[in-house]
Amino acid sequence: MAETLDQLIGELAREPESRRRRQALQTARRWWGPEAVARFYDEVIRLLHVDVQQAERVARAASWLSSRIGDEASRGASFRALGHISYRKRKYQASVDLYQKALDIYQRLGNELETGRTLNSSLQSLIYLGRYDQALEYAGRARAIFEAHGDKLRLARLDANMGNVLYRQDRFEEALTLYQQASRAFLSTSPLAMKARSSASNFRAAS
């Protein structure tokens, strides 16, 4: 039996049998809650770059748990996590369908940032499906949300995704402009850059 939530997540990621994963979750009721689903989601994002199979196991565990705790935001997160899995498995229509389920939930809850994140997440699948007009519409909606919240990092990610849309349409100069804009924003919001700006500000204040 797992002694910590991180240990449980590790067990779920490594366990190939769905029945055993459910058993592990059923014996871990002390962690049942939105916080656990959020932690599962973060691990899905990390594992997507390491092991898609393990990421899918954790995403399915998040889906199973969110359906039992009755938390709508958690359900939205689990749909988005499964959307990421479908995208990585090149099942683009399934990915869009899952993102739409997440969107429906976040819009119903009035959660703007999660709506924006999900709109942005949908872009690559829409690109591969050739649905450029919808991708541009989603990007515009996501941009309005991120700008309203002053979320520079997510705006940078959106610029990178928008660059991909334009590149696929052979709009190379426009795509390059967005890629460069995203690169500058990523650099300016990196921990090292932020630390350097903070140190410079402190120096000026002391001088």
N, C-alpha and C. Protein backbone atom coordinates (compact mmCIF):
# COMPACT_ATOMS: atom_id res chain seq x y z
N MET A 1 0.84 -1.19 0.00
CA MET A 1 0.00 0.00 0.00
C MET A 1 0.88 1.25 0.00
N ALA A 2 0.54 2.20 -0.87
CA ALA A 2 1.33 3.42 -0.98
C ALA A 2 1.19 4.26 0.29
N GLU A 3 2.32 4.83 0.72
CA GLU A 3 2.31 5.65 1.93
C GLU A 3 2.16 7.13 1.63
N THR A 4 2.43 7.54 0.41
CA THR A 4 2.28 8.93 0.01
C THR A 4 1.56 8.99 -1.34
N LEU A 5 1.05 10.17 -1.66
CA LEU A 5 0.37 10.34 -2.95
C LEU A 5 1.35 10.13 -4.10
N ASP A 6 2.56 10.60 -3.96
CA ASP A 6 3.56 10.41 -5.02
C ASP A 6 3.85 8.93 -5.24
N GLN A 7 3.90 8.15 -4.16
CA GLN A 7 4.11 6.71 -4.30
C GLN A 7 2.94 6.07 -5.03
N LEU A 8 1.72 6.51 -4.70
CA LEU A 8 0.53 5.98 -5.38
C LEU A 8 0.59 6.28 -6.87
N ILE A 9 0.95 7.50 -7.21
CA ILE A 9 1.03 7.87 -8.63
C ILE A 9 2.06 7.01 -9.36
N GLY A 10 3.20 6.77 -8.69
CA GLY A 10 4.22 5.92 -9.29
C GLY A 10 3.71 4.51 -9.53
N GLU A 11 2.97 3.97 -8.56
CA GLU A 11 2.40 2.63 -8.71
C GLU A 11 1.40 2.59 -9.86
N LEU A 12 0.55 3.59 -9.94
CA LEU A 12 -0.44 3.64 -11.01
C LEU A 12 0.23 3.72 -12.38
N ALA A 13 1.29 4.50 -12.48
CA ALA A 13 1.99 4.66 -13.76
C ALA A 13 2.63 3.36 -14.22
N ARG A 14 3.12 2.58 -13.27
CA ARG A 14 3.84 1.35 -13.62
C ARG A 14 2.94 0.14 -13.78
N GLU A 15 1.71 0.19 -13.26
CA GLU A 15 0.82 -0.97 -13.26
C GLU A 15 0.09 -1.11 -14.59
N PRO A 16 0.33 -2.20 -15.34
CA PRO A 16 -0.31 -2.34 -16.65
C PRO A 16 -1.77 -2.79 -16.59
N GLU A 17 -2.19 -3.41 -15.49
CA GLU A 17 -3.55 -3.94 -15.40
C GLU A 17 -4.50 -2.92 -14.79
N SER A 18 -5.59 -2.60 -15.51
CA SER A 18 -6.54 -1.60 -15.03
C SER A 18 -7.21 -2.04 -13.73
N ARG A 19 -7.44 -3.35 -13.58
CA ARG A 19 -8.08 -3.83 -12.35
C ARG A 19 -7.21 -3.55 -11.13
N ARG A 20 -5.92 -3.75 -11.26
CA ARG A 20 -5.01 -3.48 -10.15
C ARG A 20 -4.90 -1.97 -9.87
N ARG A 21 -4.99 -1.18 -10.91
CA ARG A 21 -4.96 0.28 -10.69
C ARG A 21 -6.20 0.73 -9.91
N ARG A 22 -7.35 0.17 -10.26
CA ARG A 22 -8.57 0.52 -9.53
C ARG A 22 -8.47 0.07 -8.07
N GLN A 23 -7.90 -1.10 -7.85
CA GLN A 23 -7.73 -1.58 -6.48
C GLN A 23 -6.83 -0.64 -5.69
N ALA A 24 -5.77 -0.19 -6.32
CA ALA A 24 -4.85 0.73 -5.64
C ALA A 24 -5.57 2.03 -5.27
N LEU A 25 -6.40 2.52 -6.17
CA LEU A 25 -7.15 3.75 -5.89
C LEU A 25 -8.19 3.53 -4.79
N GLN A 26 -8.82 2.38 -4.79
CA GLN A 26 -9.85 2.11 -3.79
C GLN A 26 -9.27 1.99 -2.39
N THR A 27 -8.02 1.59 -2.29
CA THR A 27 -7.38 1.49 -0.97
C THR A 27 -6.70 2.79 -0.55
N ALA A 28 -6.87 3.83 -1.36
CA ALA A 28 -6.21 5.12 -1.08
C ALA A 28 -7.23 6.23 -0.92
N ARG A 29 -8.34 5.93 -0.28
CA ARG A 29 -9.43 6.90 -0.18
C ARG A 29 -9.03 8.17 0.57
N ARG A 30 -8.01 8.08 1.41
CA ARG A 30 -7.62 9.29 2.15
C ARG A 30 -7.13 10.40 1.23
N TRP A 31 -6.78 10.05 0.00
CA TRP A 31 -6.31 11.06 -0.95
C TRP A 31 -7.37 11.45 -1.98
N TRP A 32 -8.57 10.87 -1.87
CA TRP A 32 -9.59 11.19 -2.85
C TRP A 32 -9.99 12.65 -2.72
N GLY A 33 -9.82 13.41 -3.76
CA GLY A 33 -10.21 14.81 -3.75
C GLY A 33 -9.64 15.53 -4.96
N PRO A 34 -10.08 16.77 -5.20
CA PRO A 34 -9.61 17.54 -6.35
C PRO A 34 -8.09 17.72 -6.38
N GLU A 35 -7.47 17.81 -5.19
CA GLU A 35 -6.02 18.02 -5.15
C GLU A 35 -5.28 16.84 -5.77
N ALA A 36 -5.78 15.62 -5.52
CA ALA A 36 -5.15 14.44 -6.08
C ALA A 36 -5.29 14.42 -7.60
N VAL A 37 -6.47 14.78 -8.10
CA VAL A 37 -6.66 14.80 -9.55
C VAL A 37 -5.73 15.84 -10.20
N ALA A 38 -5.60 16.99 -9.55
CA ALA A 38 -4.68 18.02 -10.06
C ALA A 38 -3.25 17.50 -10.10
N ARG A 39 -2.87 16.75 -9.07
CA ARG A 39 -1.52 16.18 -9.03
C ARG A 39 -1.36 15.11 -10.12
N PHE A 40 -2.40 14.30 -10.34
CA PHE A 40 -2.37 13.32 -11.42
C PHE A 40 -2.17 14.03 -12.76
N TYR A 41 -2.90 15.13 -12.96
CA TYR A 41 -2.80 15.86 -14.22
C TYR A 41 -1.37 16.35 -14.45
N ASP A 42 -0.77 16.93 -13.42
CA ASP A 42 0.60 17.41 -13.56
C ASP A 42 1.55 16.28 -13.93
N GLU A 43 1.31 15.10 -13.36
CA GLU A 43 2.18 13.95 -13.67
C GLU A 43 1.95 13.47 -15.10
N VAL A 44 0.72 13.55 -15.59
CA VAL A 44 0.46 13.20 -16.99
C VAL A 44 1.29 14.09 -17.90
N ILE A 45 1.30 15.41 -17.62
CA ILE A 45 2.07 16.34 -18.45
C ILE A 45 3.55 15.97 -18.43
N ARG A 46 4.07 15.63 -17.26
CA ARG A 46 5.50 15.27 -17.16
C ARG A 46 5.78 13.98 -17.92
N LEU A 47 4.93 12.97 -17.73
CA LEU A 47 5.17 11.67 -18.33
C LEU A 47 4.99 11.66 -19.84
N LEU A 48 4.21 12.60 -20.37
CA LEU A 48 4.02 12.65 -21.82
C LEU A 48 5.35 12.79 -22.55
N HIS A 49 6.33 13.40 -21.89
CA HIS A 49 7.64 13.60 -22.50
C HIS A 49 8.60 12.46 -22.18
N VAL A 50 8.11 11.48 -21.41
CA VAL A 50 8.98 10.40 -20.96
C VAL A 50 8.45 9.04 -21.42
N ASP A 51 7.16 8.78 -21.14
CA ASP A 51 6.56 7.47 -21.40
C ASP A 51 5.05 7.66 -21.57
N VAL A 52 4.57 7.63 -22.81
CA VAL A 52 3.16 7.90 -23.08
C VAL A 52 2.27 6.84 -22.45
N GLN A 53 2.74 5.61 -22.42
CA GLN A 53 1.94 4.54 -21.83
C GLN A 53 1.70 4.78 -20.35
N GLN A 54 2.74 5.18 -19.64
CA GLN A 54 2.58 5.49 -18.23
C GLN A 54 1.69 6.72 -18.05
N ALA A 55 1.86 7.70 -18.91
CA ALA A 55 1.02 8.89 -18.85
C ALA A 55 -0.45 8.52 -19.01
N GLU A 56 -0.74 7.61 -19.92
CA GLU A 56 -2.13 7.21 -20.13
C GLU A 56 -2.70 6.50 -18.91
N ARG A 57 -1.90 5.69 -18.24
CA ARG A 57 -2.40 5.01 -17.04
C ARG A 57 -2.79 6.02 -15.96
N VAL A 58 -1.95 7.04 -15.79
CA VAL A 58 -2.26 8.06 -14.79
C VAL A 58 -3.47 8.88 -15.20
N ALA A 59 -3.59 9.17 -16.50
CA ALA A 59 -4.74 9.93 -17.00
C ALA A 59 -6.04 9.15 -16.78
N ARG A 60 -5.99 7.86 -17.00
CA ARG A 60 -7.19 7.05 -16.79
C ARG A 60 -7.52 6.93 -15.30
N ALA A 61 -6.50 6.92 -14.48
CA ALA A 61 -6.73 6.93 -13.03
C ALA A 61 -7.39 8.25 -12.62
N ALA A 62 -6.94 9.36 -13.20
CA ALA A 62 -7.54 10.66 -12.92
C ALA A 62 -9.00 10.67 -13.34
N SER A 63 -9.30 10.08 -14.49
CA SER A 63 -10.67 10.02 -14.97
C SER A 63 -11.55 9.19 -14.03
N TRP A 64 -11.03 8.05 -13.62
CA TRP A 64 -11.77 7.17 -12.70
C TRP A 64 -12.05 7.88 -11.38
N LEU A 65 -11.03 8.53 -10.84
CA LEU A 65 -11.18 9.20 -9.55
C LEU A 65 -12.12 10.40 -9.66
N SER A 66 -11.99 11.19 -10.72
CA SER A 66 -12.82 12.39 -10.85
C SER A 66 -14.29 12.03 -10.97
N SER A 67 -14.59 10.87 -11.56
CA SER A 67 -15.99 10.47 -11.70
C SER A 67 -16.59 10.03 -10.37
N ARG A 68 -15.73 9.69 -9.40
CA ARG A 68 -16.22 9.24 -8.09
C ARG A 68 -16.32 10.35 -7.06
N ILE A 69 -15.50 11.38 -7.20
CA ILE A 69 -15.54 12.44 -6.19
C ILE A 69 -16.57 13.52 -6.53
N GLY A 70 -17.11 13.48 -7.76
CA GLY A 70 -18.18 14.39 -8.12
C GLY A 70 -17.76 15.85 -8.23
N ASP A 71 -16.51 16.09 -8.59
CA ASP A 71 -16.02 17.47 -8.74
C ASP A 71 -15.90 17.78 -10.23
N GLU A 72 -16.68 18.77 -10.69
CA GLU A 72 -16.73 19.06 -12.12
C GLU A 72 -15.40 19.55 -12.68
N ALA A 73 -14.71 20.41 -11.94
CA ALA A 73 -13.42 20.90 -12.43
C ALA A 73 -12.43 19.75 -12.59
N SER A 74 -12.46 18.80 -11.67
CA SER A 74 -11.59 17.63 -11.77
C SER A 74 -11.95 16.79 -13.00
N ARG A 75 -13.23 16.70 -13.27
CA ARG A 75 -13.67 15.96 -14.46
C ARG A 75 -13.13 16.65 -15.71
N GLY A 76 -13.17 17.98 -15.74
CA GLY A 76 -12.62 18.70 -16.87
C GLY A 76 -11.14 18.43 -17.06
N ALA A 77 -10.41 18.42 -15.95
CA ALA A 77 -8.97 18.16 -16.02
C ALA A 77 -8.70 16.76 -16.56
N SER A 78 -9.51 15.80 -16.15
CA SER A 78 -9.29 14.43 -16.61
C SER A 78 -9.58 14.29 -18.10
N PHE A 79 -10.62 14.99 -18.58
CA PHE A 79 -10.90 14.97 -20.03
C PHE A 79 -9.73 15.59 -20.80
N ARG A 80 -9.19 16.70 -20.28
CA ARG A 80 -8.09 17.34 -20.98
C ARG A 80 -6.85 16.44 -20.97
N ALA A 81 -6.61 15.78 -19.86
CA ALA A 81 -5.47 14.85 -19.79
C ALA A 81 -5.62 13.74 -20.82
N LEU A 82 -6.82 13.18 -20.93
CA LEU A 82 -7.04 12.13 -21.93
C LEU A 82 -6.94 12.69 -23.35
N GLY A 83 -7.32 13.97 -23.51
CA GLY A 83 -7.14 14.62 -24.81
C GLY A 83 -5.67 14.69 -25.19
N HIS A 84 -4.82 15.00 -24.21
CA HIS A 84 -3.37 15.03 -24.47
C HIS A 84 -2.87 13.66 -24.91
N ILE A 85 -3.39 12.61 -24.25
CA ILE A 85 -2.97 11.25 -24.60
C ILE A 85 -3.37 10.92 -26.04
N SER A 86 -4.61 11.22 -26.39
CA SER A 86 -5.08 10.93 -27.75
C SER A 86 -4.25 11.69 -28.78
N TYR A 87 -3.90 12.94 -28.46
CA TYR A 87 -3.07 13.71 -29.39
C TYR A 87 -1.72 13.04 -29.60
N ARG A 88 -1.08 12.64 -28.50
CA ARG A 88 0.23 12.00 -28.63
C ARG A 88 0.15 10.66 -29.37
N LYS A 89 -1.03 10.02 -29.34
CA LYS A 89 -1.22 8.76 -30.06
C LYS A 89 -1.74 9.00 -31.48
N ARG A 90 -1.77 10.27 -31.88
CA ARG A 90 -2.18 10.69 -33.22
C ARG A 90 -3.64 10.36 -33.52
N LYS A 91 -4.44 10.34 -32.48
CA LYS A 91 -5.88 10.17 -32.63
C LYS A 91 -6.51 11.55 -32.48
N TYR A 92 -6.41 12.34 -33.55
CA TYR A 92 -6.70 13.77 -33.44
C TYR A 92 -8.18 14.07 -33.24
N GLN A 93 -9.07 13.33 -33.90
CA GLN A 93 -10.49 13.58 -33.70
C GLN A 93 -10.91 13.22 -32.29
N ALA A 94 -10.41 12.11 -31.79
CA ALA A 94 -10.72 11.73 -30.40
C ALA A 94 -10.19 12.78 -29.44
N SER A 95 -9.02 13.32 -29.76
CA SER A 95 -8.43 14.37 -28.93
C SER A 95 -9.33 15.59 -28.89
N VAL A 96 -9.78 16.06 -30.06
CA VAL A 96 -10.66 17.24 -30.12
C VAL A 96 -11.95 16.99 -29.35
N ASP A 97 -12.50 15.78 -29.47
CA ASP A 97 -13.75 15.46 -28.76
C ASP A 97 -13.56 15.53 -27.24
N LEU A 98 -12.42 15.05 -26.76
CA LEU A 98 -12.14 15.09 -25.32
C LEU A 98 -11.91 16.52 -24.84
N TYR A 99 -11.18 17.29 -25.64
CA TYR A 99 -10.98 18.70 -25.28
C TYR A 99 -12.33 19.43 -25.23
N GLN A 100 -13.23 19.08 -26.15
CA GLN A 100 -14.54 19.74 -26.16
C GLN A 100 -15.32 19.42 -24.88
N LYS A 101 -15.21 18.20 -24.40
CA LYS A 101 -15.87 17.84 -23.15
C LYS A 101 -15.32 18.66 -22.00
N ALA A 102 -14.00 18.85 -22.00
CA ALA A 102 -13.39 19.69 -20.96
C ALA A 102 -13.86 21.14 -21.10
N LEU A 103 -13.91 21.63 -22.34
CA LEU A 103 -14.36 23.00 -22.59
C LEU A 103 -15.78 23.21 -22.08
N ASP A 104 -16.65 22.26 -22.37
CA ASP A 104 -18.05 22.38 -21.93
C ASP A 104 -18.13 22.55 -20.42
N ILE A 105 -17.31 21.79 -19.70
CA ILE A 105 -17.31 21.87 -18.24
C ILE A 105 -16.77 23.21 -17.76
N TYR A 106 -15.62 23.62 -18.27
CA TYR A 106 -15.00 24.86 -17.79
C TYR A 106 -15.85 26.08 -18.13
N GLN A 107 -16.48 26.06 -19.30
CA GLN A 107 -17.34 27.18 -19.66
C GLN A 107 -18.57 27.22 -18.76
N ARG A 108 -19.11 26.07 -18.44
CA ARG A 108 -20.27 26.01 -17.54
C ARG A 108 -19.90 26.52 -16.15
N LEU A 109 -18.66 26.22 -15.72
CA LEU A 109 -18.19 26.67 -14.41
C LEU A 109 -17.76 28.13 -14.42
N GLY A 110 -17.59 28.72 -15.59
CA GLY A 110 -17.11 30.09 -15.69
C GLY A 110 -15.64 30.22 -15.37
N ASN A 111 -14.87 29.14 -15.58
CA ASN A 111 -13.44 29.14 -15.29
C ASN A 111 -12.68 29.57 -16.55
N GLU A 112 -12.36 30.87 -16.60
CA GLU A 112 -11.77 31.42 -17.82
C GLU A 112 -10.39 30.86 -18.13
N LEU A 113 -9.51 30.80 -17.13
CA LEU A 113 -8.14 30.35 -17.41
C LEU A 113 -8.11 28.91 -17.90
N GLU A 114 -8.89 28.04 -17.28
CA GLU A 114 -8.92 26.64 -17.72
C GLU A 114 -9.56 26.54 -19.10
N THR A 115 -10.53 27.40 -19.38
CA THR A 115 -11.09 27.44 -20.73
C THR A 115 -10.02 27.83 -21.73
N GLY A 116 -9.24 28.86 -21.41
CA GLY A 116 -8.17 29.29 -22.30
C GLY A 116 -7.12 28.22 -22.50
N ARG A 117 -6.75 27.55 -21.42
CA ARG A 117 -5.76 26.46 -21.53
C ARG A 117 -6.26 25.36 -22.46
N THR A 118 -7.54 25.03 -22.34
CA THR A 118 -8.10 23.94 -23.14
C THR A 118 -8.24 24.35 -24.60
N LEU A 119 -8.63 25.60 -24.84
CA LEU A 119 -8.67 26.09 -26.21
C LEU A 119 -7.28 25.99 -26.85
N ASN A 120 -6.26 26.40 -26.12
CA ASN A 120 -4.89 26.34 -26.62
C ASN A 120 -4.45 24.90 -26.86
N SER A 121 -4.81 24.03 -25.93
CA SER A 121 -4.44 22.61 -26.08
C SER A 121 -5.05 21.98 -27.32
N SER A 122 -6.21 22.50 -27.76
CA SER A 122 -6.91 21.93 -28.90
C SER A 122 -6.26 22.25 -30.24
N LEU A 123 -5.42 23.27 -30.26
CA LEU A 123 -4.96 23.82 -31.54
C LEU A 123 -4.22 22.80 -32.40
N GLN A 124 -3.28 22.06 -31.81
CA GLN A 124 -2.47 21.15 -32.62
C GLN A 124 -3.32 20.07 -33.27
N SER A 125 -4.28 19.53 -32.54
CA SER A 125 -5.15 18.51 -33.12
C SER A 125 -5.99 19.08 -34.26
N LEU A 126 -6.49 20.31 -34.06
CA LEU A 126 -7.27 20.96 -35.12
C LEU A 126 -6.41 21.20 -36.35
N ILE A 127 -5.14 21.55 -36.14
CA ILE A 127 -4.23 21.75 -37.27
C ILE A 127 -4.09 20.46 -38.08
N TYR A 128 -3.85 19.35 -37.39
CA TYR A 128 -3.66 18.09 -38.10
C TYR A 128 -4.92 17.61 -38.80
N LEU A 129 -6.08 18.07 -38.32
CA LEU A 129 -7.34 17.74 -38.97
C LEU A 129 -7.66 18.71 -40.11
N GLY A 130 -6.80 19.73 -40.29
CA GLY A 130 -7.01 20.70 -41.35
C GLY A 130 -8.10 21.71 -41.04
N ARG A 131 -8.47 21.82 -39.78
CA ARG A 131 -9.55 22.73 -39.38
C ARG A 131 -8.94 24.06 -38.93
N TYR A 132 -8.36 24.78 -39.89
CA TYR A 132 -7.60 25.99 -39.58
C TYR A 132 -8.48 27.13 -39.09
N ASP A 133 -9.66 27.28 -39.68
CA ASP A 133 -10.55 28.36 -39.26
C ASP A 133 -10.95 28.20 -37.80
N GLN A 134 -11.25 26.97 -37.41
CA GLN A 134 -11.60 26.72 -36.02
C GLN A 134 -10.40 26.94 -35.10
N ALA A 135 -9.22 26.54 -35.58
CA ALA A 135 -8.00 26.75 -34.79
C ALA A 135 -7.76 28.24 -34.56
N LEU A 136 -7.95 29.04 -35.61
CA LEU A 136 -7.75 30.49 -35.48
C LEU A 136 -8.79 31.10 -34.54
N GLU A 137 -10.01 30.61 -34.61
CA GLU A 137 -11.06 31.11 -33.71
C GLU A 137 -10.71 30.78 -32.25
N TYR A 138 -10.30 29.53 -32.02
CA TYR A 138 -9.93 29.12 -30.66
C TYR A 138 -8.74 29.94 -30.16
N ALA A 139 -7.78 30.17 -31.04
CA ALA A 139 -6.60 30.94 -30.64
C ALA A 139 -6.99 32.36 -30.24
N GLY A 140 -7.90 32.96 -31.00
CA GLY A 140 -8.34 34.31 -30.66
C GLY A 140 -9.04 34.36 -29.32
N ARG A 141 -9.86 33.37 -29.04
CA ARG A 141 -10.55 33.32 -27.75
C ARG A 141 -9.56 33.11 -26.61
N ALA A 142 -8.59 32.22 -26.83
CA ALA A 142 -7.59 31.97 -25.79
C ALA A 142 -6.75 33.22 -25.54
N ARG A 143 -6.39 33.93 -26.60
CA ARG A 143 -5.57 35.14 -26.46
C ARG A 143 -6.30 36.19 -25.62
N ALA A 144 -7.58 36.37 -25.88
CA ALA A 144 -8.36 37.35 -25.12
C ALA A 144 -8.36 37.01 -23.63
N ILE A 145 -8.46 35.72 -23.33
CA ILE A 145 -8.47 35.28 -21.92
C ILE A 145 -7.11 35.52 -21.27
N PHE A 146 -6.05 35.09 -21.93
CA PHE A 146 -4.71 35.21 -21.35
C PHE A 146 -4.30 36.68 -21.19
N GLU A 147 -4.66 37.49 -22.16
CA GLU A 147 -4.34 38.91 -22.05
C GLU A 147 -5.10 39.55 -20.89
N ALA A 148 -6.36 39.17 -20.71
CA ALA A 148 -7.16 39.72 -19.62
C ALA A 148 -6.58 39.36 -18.26
N HIS A 149 -5.94 38.19 -18.19
CA HIS A 149 -5.36 37.72 -16.93
C HIS A 149 -3.87 38.04 -16.81
N GLY A 150 -3.30 38.67 -17.83
CA GLY A 150 -1.88 39.02 -17.79
C GLY A 150 -0.98 37.80 -17.74
N ASP A 151 -1.40 36.70 -18.37
CA ASP A 151 -0.65 35.44 -18.32
C ASP A 151 0.34 35.38 -19.48
N LYS A 152 1.54 35.91 -19.24
CA LYS A 152 2.53 36.04 -20.30
C LYS A 152 3.06 34.68 -20.78
N LEU A 153 3.23 33.74 -19.86
CA LEU A 153 3.76 32.43 -20.25
C LEU A 153 2.79 31.71 -21.18
N ARG A 154 1.51 31.73 -20.84
CA ARG A 154 0.54 31.04 -21.70
C ARG A 154 0.34 31.79 -23.02
N LEU A 155 0.52 33.10 -23.01
CA LEU A 155 0.49 33.84 -24.27
C LEU A 155 1.65 33.40 -25.17
N ALA A 156 2.81 33.16 -24.57
CA ALA A 156 3.96 32.69 -25.35
C ALA A 156 3.68 31.31 -25.95
N ARG A 157 3.10 30.43 -25.16
CA ARG A 157 2.76 29.11 -25.68
C ARG A 157 1.74 29.21 -26.80
N LEU A 158 0.79 30.13 -26.63
CA LEU A 158 -0.22 30.34 -27.66
C LEU A 158 0.42 30.86 -28.94
N ASP A 159 1.37 31.79 -28.83
CA ASP A 159 2.07 32.30 -30.01
C ASP A 159 2.79 31.18 -30.76
N ALA A 160 3.41 30.28 -30.00
CA ALA A 160 4.10 29.15 -30.63
C ALA A 160 3.10 28.26 -31.39
N ASN A 161 1.95 27.98 -30.77
CA ASN A 161 0.94 27.17 -31.44
C ASN A 161 0.34 27.89 -32.65
N MET A 162 0.14 29.21 -32.51
CA MET A 162 -0.38 29.98 -33.62
C MET A 162 0.63 29.99 -34.78
N GLY A 163 1.91 30.04 -34.44
CA GLY A 163 2.93 29.94 -35.47
C GLY A 163 2.80 28.65 -36.27
N ASN A 164 2.47 27.57 -35.58
CA ASN A 164 2.27 26.29 -36.26
C ASN A 164 1.10 26.34 -37.22
N VAL A 165 0.01 27.01 -36.79
CA VAL A 165 -1.15 27.15 -37.68
C VAL A 165 -0.75 27.88 -38.95
N LEU A 166 -0.07 29.01 -38.80
CA LEU A 166 0.32 29.81 -39.95
C LEU A 166 1.33 29.08 -40.84
N TYR A 167 2.24 28.34 -40.21
CA TYR A 167 3.23 27.59 -40.97
C TYR A 167 2.55 26.56 -41.87
N ARG A 168 1.54 25.89 -41.32
CA ARG A 168 0.83 24.87 -42.10
C ARG A 168 0.06 25.50 -43.26
N GLN A 169 -0.22 26.80 -43.15
CA GLN A 169 -0.91 27.50 -44.23
C GLN A 169 0.07 28.19 -45.18
N ASP A 170 1.36 27.86 -45.04
CA ASP A 170 2.42 28.45 -45.86
C ASP A 170 2.57 29.95 -45.65
N ARG A 171 2.17 30.43 -44.48
CA ARG A 171 2.33 31.85 -44.14
C ARG A 171 3.59 31.98 -43.29
N PHE A 172 4.73 31.75 -43.97
CA PHE A 172 5.98 31.53 -43.26
C PHE A 172 6.49 32.76 -42.52
N GLU A 173 6.39 33.94 -43.12
CA GLU A 173 6.90 35.14 -42.46
C GLU A 173 6.08 35.45 -41.20
N GLU A 174 4.76 35.30 -41.30
CA GLU A 174 3.91 35.53 -40.12
C GLU A 174 4.22 34.51 -39.03
N ALA A 175 4.43 33.27 -39.46
CA ALA A 175 4.75 32.21 -38.49
C ALA A 175 6.07 32.52 -37.79
N LEU A 176 7.07 32.95 -38.56
CA LEU A 176 8.38 33.26 -37.99
C LEU A 176 8.27 34.39 -36.96
N THR A 177 7.47 35.39 -37.27
CA THR A 177 7.28 36.50 -36.33
C THR A 177 6.72 36.00 -35.00
N LEU A 178 5.75 35.10 -35.07
CA LEU A 178 5.16 34.57 -33.84
C LEU A 178 6.14 33.66 -33.09
N TYR A 179 6.90 32.85 -33.82
CA TYR A 179 7.90 32.01 -33.17
C TYR A 179 8.93 32.86 -32.43
N GLN A 180 9.37 33.95 -33.08
CA GLN A 180 10.35 34.83 -32.44
C GLN A 180 9.74 35.53 -31.22
N GLN A 181 8.49 35.93 -31.34
CA GLN A 181 7.79 36.58 -30.23
C GLN A 181 7.66 35.62 -29.05
N ALA A 182 7.32 34.37 -29.36
CA ALA A 182 7.19 33.36 -28.31
C ALA A 182 8.54 33.10 -27.66
N SER A 183 9.60 33.02 -28.47
CA SER A 183 10.93 32.75 -27.93
C SER A 183 11.36 33.84 -26.96
N ARG A 184 11.13 35.10 -27.35
CA ARG A 184 11.50 36.21 -26.46
C ARG A 184 10.72 36.15 -25.15
N ALA A 185 9.44 35.81 -25.25
CA ALA A 185 8.61 35.74 -24.04
C ALA A 185 9.05 34.59 -23.15
N PHE A 186 9.38 33.44 -23.74
CA PHE A 186 9.86 32.30 -22.95
C PHE A 186 11.13 32.68 -22.20
N LEU A 187 12.04 33.35 -22.90
CA LEU A 187 13.29 33.74 -22.27
C LEU A 187 13.06 34.74 -21.14
N SER A 188 12.14 35.66 -21.35
CA SER A 188 11.90 36.70 -20.34
C SER A 188 11.18 36.17 -19.12
N THR A 189 10.46 35.05 -19.28
CA THR A 189 9.72 34.49 -18.14
C THR A 189 10.41 33.27 -17.54
N SER A 190 11.62 32.94 -18.04
CA SER A 190 12.34 31.80 -17.48
C SER A 190 12.79 32.12 -16.06
N PRO A 191 12.92 31.12 -15.18
CA PRO A 191 13.34 31.38 -13.80
C PRO A 191 14.65 32.15 -13.70
N LEU A 192 15.63 31.84 -14.58
CA LEU A 192 16.92 32.52 -14.53
C LEU A 192 16.77 33.99 -14.90
N ALA A 193 15.95 34.26 -15.93
CA ALA A 193 15.76 35.65 -16.34
C ALA A 193 15.03 36.44 -15.26
N MET A 194 14.04 35.80 -14.65
CA MET A 194 13.29 36.48 -13.60
C MET A 194 14.18 36.75 -12.38
N LYS A 195 15.06 35.78 -12.07
CA LYS A 195 15.97 35.96 -10.95
C LYS A 195 16.95 37.10 -11.24
N ALA A 196 17.43 37.16 -12.49
CA ALA A 196 18.37 38.22 -12.86
C ALA A 196 17.71 39.59 -12.75
N ARG A 197 16.45 39.69 -13.23
CA ARG A 197 15.75 40.97 -13.14
C ARG A 197 15.52 41.36 -11.69
N SER A 198 15.20 40.37 -10.85
CA SER A 198 14.98 40.64 -9.44
C SER A 198 16.26 41.14 -8.76
N SER A 199 17.39 40.50 -9.10
CA SER A 199 18.67 40.89 -8.52
C SER A 199 19.03 42.31 -8.97
N ALA A 200 18.80 42.62 -10.23
CA ALA A 200 19.11 43.96 -10.74
C ALA A 200 18.24 45.00 -10.05
N SER A 201 16.98 44.66 -9.84
CA SER A 201 16.07 45.59 -9.18
C SER A 201 16.51 45.85 -7.74
N ASN A 202 16.91 44.77 -7.06
CA ASN A 202 17.39 44.91 -5.68
C ASN A 202 18.65 45.76 -5.62
N PHE A 203 19.54 45.59 -6.61
CA PHE A 203 20.78 46.36 -6.65
C PHE A 203 20.48 47.85 -6.83
N ARG A 204 19.55 48.15 -7.75
CA ARG A 204 19.20 49.54 -7.99
C ARG A 204 18.58 50.16 -6.73
N ALA A 205 17.75 49.37 -6.04
CA ALA A 205 17.09 49.89 -4.85
C ALA A 205 18.09 50.16 -3.74
N ALA A 206 19.17 49.34 -3.72
CA ALA A 206 20.18 49.51 -2.64
C ALA A 206 21.20 50.58 -2.98
N SER A 207 21.35 50.89 -4.26
CA SER A 207 22.40 51.83 -4.68
C SER A 207 21.96 53.29 -4.57
